[in-house]
Protein backbone atom coordinates (compact mmCIF):
# COMPACT_ATOMS: atom_id res chain seq x y z
CA UNK A 1 8.29 5.57 -13.59
CA UNK A 2 11.03 8.43 -13.44
CA UNK A 3 8.88 10.72 -11.31
CA UNK A 4 8.39 8.03 -8.94
CA UNK A 5 11.89 7.00 -8.69
CA UNK A 6 13.02 10.50 -8.56
CA UNK A 7 10.44 10.90 -5.48
CA UNK A 8 11.62 7.96 -3.52
CA UNK A 9 15.30 8.88 -4.21
CA UNK A 10 14.68 12.19 -2.92
CA UNK A 11 13.03 10.86 0.33
CA UNK A 12 16.09 8.54 0.74
CA UNK A 13 18.53 11.73 0.28
CA UNK A 14 16.46 13.64 2.80
CA UNK A 15 16.31 11.07 5.49
CA UNK A 16 20.12 10.05 5.40
CA UNK A 17 22.21 13.02 4.13
CA UNK A 18 23.70 15.02 6.80
CA UNK A 19 23.01 18.41 5.56
CA UNK A 20 22.60 21.10 8.07
CA UNK A 21 20.41 24.13 6.91
CA UNK A 22 20.61 27.18 9.19
CA UNK A 23 17.90 25.62 11.55
CA UNK A 24 16.78 22.18 11.59
CA UNK A 25 14.70 22.22 14.86
CA UNK A 26 11.67 22.64 12.68
CA UNK A 27 12.21 19.07 10.89
CA UNK A 28 11.72 15.47 11.63
CA UNK A 29 12.69 12.65 9.49
CA UNK A 30 13.54 8.97 9.60
CA UNK A 31 14.05 5.99 7.24
CA UNK A 32 13.76 2.28 7.74
CA UNK A 33 14.64 -0.43 5.52
CA UNK A 34 14.17 -4.15 6.20
CA UNK A 35 13.83 -7.62 4.76
CA UNK A 36 12.18 -10.68 6.01
CA UNK A 37 11.98 -14.22 4.83
CA UNK A 38 10.89 -17.61 5.55
CA UNK A 39 11.83 -20.93 4.06
CA UNK A 40 10.73 -24.68 4.33
CA UNK A 41 12.07 -27.98 3.09
CA UNK A 42 11.21 -31.95 3.28
CA UNK A 43 13.12 -35.05 2.40
CA UNK A 44 11.98 -37.24 -0.46
CA UNK A 45 10.59 -39.80 1.97
CA UNK A 46 8.82 -37.18 4.35
CA UNK A 47 5.86 -38.91 5.60
CA UNK A 48 3.91 -35.73 7.01
CA UNK A 49 3.30 -34.09 3.60
CA UNK A 50 4.09 -30.56 2.61
CA UNK A 51 5.75 -28.49 -0.07
CA UNK A 52 8.96 -27.02 0.02
CA UNK A 53 8.98 -23.18 -0.22
CA UNK A 54 10.89 -19.79 0.06
CA UNK A 55 9.64 -16.17 0.81
CA UNK A 56 11.33 -12.55 0.85
CA UNK A 57 9.69 -9.33 1.76
CA UNK A 58 11.35 -6.33 1.56
CA UNK A 59 10.31 -2.94 2.79
CA UNK A 60 11.08 0.73 3.23
CA UNK A 61 9.32 3.29 5.24
CA UNK A 62 10.12 6.93 5.37
CA UNK A 63 8.67 10.06 6.60
CA UNK A 64 9.84 13.89 6.54
CA UNK A 65 7.83 16.17 8.80
CA UNK A 66 8.19 20.25 8.92
CA UNK A 67 6.57 21.74 11.92
CA UNK A 68 6.68 25.44 12.64
CA UNK A 69 4.27 27.79 14.50
CA UNK A 70 1.01 26.57 12.67
CA UNK A 71 2.45 25.28 9.57
CA UNK A 72 2.65 21.65 9.23
CA UNK A 73 4.15 19.67 6.09
CA UNK A 74 3.96 16.11 6.42
CA UNK A 75 5.50 13.42 3.68
CA UNK A 76 5.17 9.65 4.06
CA UNK A 77 6.60 6.84 2.04
CA UNK A 78 5.64 3.05 2.24
CA UNK A 79 7.32 0.69 -0.06
CA UNK A 80 6.75 -2.98 0.49
CA UNK A 81 7.40 -5.86 -2.06
CA UNK A 82 7.48 -9.75 -1.45
CA UNK A 83 7.99 -12.80 -3.56
CA UNK A 84 7.23 -16.47 -2.65
CA UNK A 85 8.66 -19.84 -4.56
CA UNK A 86 6.69 -23.03 -4.04
CA UNK A 87 8.56 -26.27 -4.83
CA UNK A 88 9.38 -26.19 -8.79
CA UNK A 89 7.23 -23.35 -9.56
CA UNK A 90 8.63 -19.85 -10.45
CA UNK A 91 8.83 -17.16 -7.95
CA UNK A 92 5.47 -15.38 -7.59
CA UNK A 93 4.83 -12.11 -6.03
CA UNK A 94 3.13 -12.03 -2.70
CA UNK A 95 3.14 -8.44 -1.72
CA UNK A 96 3.57 -5.26 -3.68
CA UNK A 97 2.66 -1.42 -2.53
CA UNK A 98 3.72 1.94 -3.32
CA UNK A 99 2.19 4.28 -1.19
CA UNK A 100 3.38 8.08 -1.09
CA UNK A 101 1.46 10.82 0.66
CA UNK A 102 2.18 14.42 1.36
CA UNK A 103 0.07 16.88 3.28
CA UNK A 104 0.29 20.93 4.00
CA UNK A 105 -1.67 21.83 6.98
CA UNK A 106 -2.62 25.00 8.98
CA UNK A 107 -3.41 24.49 12.67
CA UNK A 108 -6.55 26.35 13.80
CA UNK A 109 -7.52 25.61 17.50
CA UNK A 110 -7.10 22.61 19.70
CA UNK A 111 -6.78 19.39 17.65
CA UNK A 112 -8.39 20.93 14.30
CA UNK A 113 -6.31 22.00 11.32
CA UNK A 114 -7.13 22.51 7.73
CA UNK A 115 -5.23 20.55 5.14
CA UNK A 116 -4.59 20.06 1.51
CA UNK A 117 -2.90 16.69 0.32
CA UNK A 118 -1.98 14.72 -2.60
CA UNK A 119 -1.71 10.68 -2.31
CA UNK A 120 -0.17 8.38 -4.82
CA UNK A 121 -0.61 4.71 -4.95
CA UNK A 122 0.43 1.82 -7.24
CA UNK A 123 2.52 -1.29 -7.39
CA UNK A 124 5.95 -2.12 -8.37
CA UNK A 125 5.67 -5.52 -10.61
CA UNK A 126 3.53 -7.48 -12.69
CA UNK A 127 0.48 -8.95 -10.88
CA UNK A 128 -1.07 -12.62 -12.19
CA UNK A 129 -3.95 -14.58 -11.21
CA UNK A 130 -2.86 -18.38 -11.25
CA UNK A 131 -5.31 -21.29 -11.70
CA UNK A 132 -4.77 -24.73 -12.23
CA UNK A 133 -4.38 -25.81 -16.20
CA UNK A 134 -6.83 -28.26 -17.51
CA UNK A 135 -4.20 -29.28 -19.71
CA UNK A 136 -1.14 -29.78 -17.53
CA UNK A 137 -1.74 -30.41 -13.98
CA UNK A 138 2.02 -29.20 -13.03
CA UNK A 139 1.67 -25.87 -14.40
CA UNK A 140 -0.86 -22.99 -14.00
CA UNK A 141 -2.67 -20.93 -16.39
CA UNK A 142 -1.83 -17.35 -16.12
CA UNK A 143 -3.83 -14.12 -16.08
CA UNK A 144 -2.45 -10.62 -16.13
CA UNK A 145 -4.47 -8.80 -13.82
CA UNK A 146 -1.86 -5.72 -13.01
CA UNK A 147 1.28 -3.95 -13.66
CA UNK A 148 3.36 -0.97 -12.64
CA UNK A 149 1.70 1.97 -13.46
CA UNK A 150 -1.63 -0.14 -14.12
CA UNK A 151 -3.28 0.86 -12.09
CA UNK A 152 -2.34 4.14 -10.34
CA UNK A 153 -4.26 6.03 -8.06
CA UNK A 154 -3.67 9.80 -7.76
CA UNK A 155 -6.02 11.41 -5.18
CA UNK A 156 -5.72 15.38 -4.34
CA UNK A 157 -8.01 16.60 -1.39
CA UNK A 158 -8.51 19.54 0.92
CA UNK A 159 -10.43 19.71 4.12
CA UNK A 160 -10.25 19.21 7.90
CA UNK A 161 -8.14 17.32 9.98
CA UNK A 162 -8.78 16.01 13.88
CA UNK A 163 -5.72 14.81 15.90
CA UNK A 164 -6.46 14.94 19.48
CA UNK A 165 -3.31 12.88 20.22
CA UNK A 166 0.07 12.61 18.63
CA UNK A 167 -0.76 8.88 17.37
CA UNK A 168 -3.90 9.33 15.84
CA UNK A 169 -5.61 11.38 13.10
CA UNK A 170 -8.50 11.53 10.56
CA UNK A 171 -8.94 13.50 7.61
CA UNK A 172 -12.05 14.79 6.35
CA UNK A 173 -12.13 15.91 2.59
CA UNK A 174 -15.53 16.87 1.25
CA UNK A 175 -13.88 18.06 -1.85
CA UNK A 176 -11.61 15.51 -3.54
CA UNK A 177 -10.47 14.49 -6.95
CA UNK A 178 -9.08 11.31 -7.91
CA UNK A 179 -7.48 10.15 -11.22
CA UNK A 180 -7.00 6.56 -12.31
CA UNK A 181 -4.20 5.50 -14.79
CA UNK A 182 -3.93 2.30 -16.62
CA UNK A 183 -0.61 2.39 -18.20
CA UNK A 184 -1.25 -0.70 -20.21
CA UNK A 185 -4.39 -2.09 -21.70
CA UNK A 186 -2.99 -5.53 -21.85
CA UNK A 187 -4.27 -6.22 -18.39
CA UNK A 188 -7.43 -8.05 -18.12
CA UNK A 189 -10.69 -6.33 -17.49
CA UNK A 190 -11.92 -6.17 -14.18
CA UNK A 191 -15.70 -5.92 -15.00
CA UNK A 192 -17.61 -7.89 -17.30
CA UNK A 193 -18.25 -4.19 -19.22
CA UNK A 194 -14.60 -4.07 -20.16
CA UNK A 195 -13.36 -1.56 -17.78
CA UNK A 196 -10.50 -1.84 -15.83
CA UNK A 197 -10.35 -0.65 -12.10
CA UNK A 198 -13.06 2.02 -12.91
CA UNK A 199 -11.52 3.33 -16.07
CA UNK A 200 -13.90 2.74 -19.00
CA UNK A 201 -12.96 -0.13 -21.42
CA UNK A 202 -10.34 1.19 -24.13
CA UNK A 203 -9.39 4.14 -22.01
CA UNK A 204 -6.25 4.84 -19.92
CA UNK A 205 -7.30 7.39 -17.78
CA UNK A 206 -10.57 8.50 -15.83
CA UNK A 207 -11.17 11.68 -13.49
CA UNK A 208 -13.61 11.33 -10.24
CA UNK A 209 -14.82 13.97 -8.18
CA UNK A 210 -15.85 13.09 -4.52
CA UNK A 211 -14.89 12.92 -1.01
CA UNK A 212 -12.06 11.27 0.89
CA UNK A 213 -11.66 10.05 4.46
CA UNK A 214 -8.19 9.05 5.76
CA UNK A 215 -7.43 7.92 9.10
CA UNK A 216 -4.45 6.74 10.83
CA UNK A 217 -3.39 5.00 14.23
CA UNK A 218 0.47 4.48 14.74
CA UNK A 219 0.82 3.51 18.47
CA UNK A 220 3.45 1.70 20.61
CA UNK A 221 1.28 -1.06 22.46
CA UNK A 222 4.50 -1.95 24.29
CA UNK A 223 8.14 -0.91 24.48
CA UNK A 224 8.89 -3.23 21.58
CA UNK A 225 5.72 -3.66 19.75
CA UNK A 226 4.22 -0.72 17.30
CA UNK A 227 0.74 -1.39 15.95
CA UNK A 228 -0.37 0.95 12.91
CA UNK A 229 -3.74 0.78 11.04
CA UNK A 230 -4.46 2.93 8.24
CA UNK A 231 -7.87 3.67 6.55
CA UNK A 232 -8.42 5.25 3.04
CA UNK A 233 -11.71 5.63 1.74
CA UNK A 234 -12.83 7.37 -1.54
CA UNK A 235 -16.64 8.05 -2.65
CA UNK A 236 -17.26 9.60 -6.15
CA UNK A 237 -20.19 11.92 -6.10
CA UNK A 238 -21.85 10.82 -9.38
CA UNK A 239 -22.15 7.13 -7.82
CA UNK A 240 -23.26 7.97 -4.42
CA UNK A 241 -26.08 5.91 -4.47
CA UNK A 242 -24.68 2.79 -5.76
CA UNK A 243 -22.53 1.72 -2.62
CA UNK A 244 -19.46 2.55 -4.43
CA UNK A 245 -17.09 4.03 -1.70
CA UNK A 246 -13.62 2.55 -2.28
CA UNK A 247 -11.97 1.49 0.94
CA UNK A 248 -8.76 0.15 2.08
CA UNK A 249 -7.74 -0.81 5.41
CA UNK A 250 -3.96 -1.70 6.06
CA UNK A 251 -2.63 -3.01 9.56
CA UNK A 252 0.82 -3.46 10.62
CA UNK A 253 2.38 -5.31 13.76
CA UNK A 254 6.11 -4.92 14.36
CA UNK A 255 7.76 -6.59 17.35
CA UNK A 256 11.12 -5.50 17.88
CA UNK A 257 13.22 -8.83 19.02
CA UNK A 258 16.80 -7.08 18.96
CA UNK A 259 18.17 -3.80 17.65
CA UNK A 260 18.09 -5.35 14.36
CA UNK A 261 15.93 -8.00 14.43
CA UNK A 262 12.32 -7.67 14.07
CA UNK A 263 8.89 -9.81 13.54
CA UNK A 264 6.04 -8.24 11.41
CA UNK A 265 2.73 -9.08 10.29
CA UNK A 266 0.78 -7.07 7.79
CA UNK A 267 -2.93 -7.43 6.85
CA UNK A 268 -4.80 -5.56 4.10
CA UNK A 269 -8.82 -5.61 3.22
CA UNK A 270 -9.85 -3.75 0.34
CA UNK A 271 -13.72 -2.97 -0.67
CA UNK A 272 -14.03 -1.89 -4.42
CA UNK A 273 -16.85 -2.55 -6.71
CA UNK A 274 -14.91 -1.61 -9.68
CA UNK A 275 -12.47 -4.51 -9.71
CA UNK A 276 -14.61 -7.24 -8.48
CA UNK A 277 -14.36 -10.08 -11.05
CA UNK A 278 -13.29 -13.45 -9.38
CA UNK A 279 -12.30 -16.42 -11.39
CA UNK A 280 -12.34 -19.90 -9.40
CA UNK A 281 -10.04 -22.89 -10.09
CA UNK A 282 -12.85 -24.18 -12.87
CA UNK A 283 -12.62 -20.86 -14.74
CA UNK A 284 -16.25 -19.71 -13.43
CA UNK A 285 -16.34 -15.93 -13.12
CA UNK A 286 -18.09 -14.42 -10.28
CA UNK A 287 -18.08 -11.03 -8.54
CA UNK A 288 -16.35 -10.33 -5.07
CA UNK A 289 -16.21 -6.65 -3.50
CA UNK A 290 -13.95 -7.71 -0.63
CA UNK A 291 -10.26 -8.41 -0.98
CA UNK A 292 -7.90 -9.46 1.56
CA UNK A 293 -3.93 -10.02 1.78
CA UNK A 294 -1.73 -10.79 4.79
CA UNK A 295 2.02 -11.68 5.15
CA UNK A 296 3.80 -12.50 8.16
CA UNK A 297 7.65 -12.85 8.56
CA UNK A 298 10.72 -12.35 10.74
CA UNK A 299 13.88 -10.47 9.56
CA UNK A 300 15.96 -7.64 9.80
CA UNK A 301 15.08 -3.64 10.04
CA UNK A 302 17.50 -0.81 10.07
CA UNK A 303 16.45 2.58 11.13
CA UNK A 304 17.99 5.78 10.17
CA UNK A 305 16.97 8.83 12.38
CA UNK A 306 14.00 8.27 15.17
CA UNK A 307 10.62 7.50 14.95
């Protein structure tokens, strides 16, 4: 946790401090922070039905780039956290992401370059699965399924990058290693064999060797509307024939209404056979390889630097 917080603080400092090196023309940096919210309430005699709710989302996105001659060093930070309160129930997490990526590249010819990268993904808060309680209809049964540093995905890769235009790239890494960490074994196993997110039962760590694909499109559709899509895939060579490529697709829409007011929508699709146990409202377990999530909101966004 200390390492993560130190990294985030370093990005923040680099993006906001007005330090002046001998030559800053090779550096490009920005930091944007924001918050969105939604709320609904009804009088006691409201006949249309409905449930009072309050939702809040917080985000921070940062980037620090160095480009000189054929050398590039790209650092990306995406942080997202959301919480929602329904009626008399407690606040519950609705969005949670910690994404850090650093890439050192060397330009070859045209749109091609070679690179080495490190990618870090986890979450901030406890993740629970809520199902209606059979003993008390007003309360939910709670199953702990994730926590901070449980799991953590750390991926190191090397390969080639194709970037034909400034707003799109794809990285192909035939050599990649991924470590999965489970910082707390109290979280519920994600498969029937007792494993958690690909880590064997009773273990806190597993190392995998495979290949990685990462691609991103970040483009302004109109003057005040931005579209960003990021795909991340990892396949372990040892299980290549088991349809075990872990894939994650994140899609972000941002519409700038005024200088500080924005509307945004985030969609996420995950395919992962290592965390596919699903428990329905009746406590029946089944397997689901695809997971989806989405958040929509309107709020404030403050930008330091230039994107």
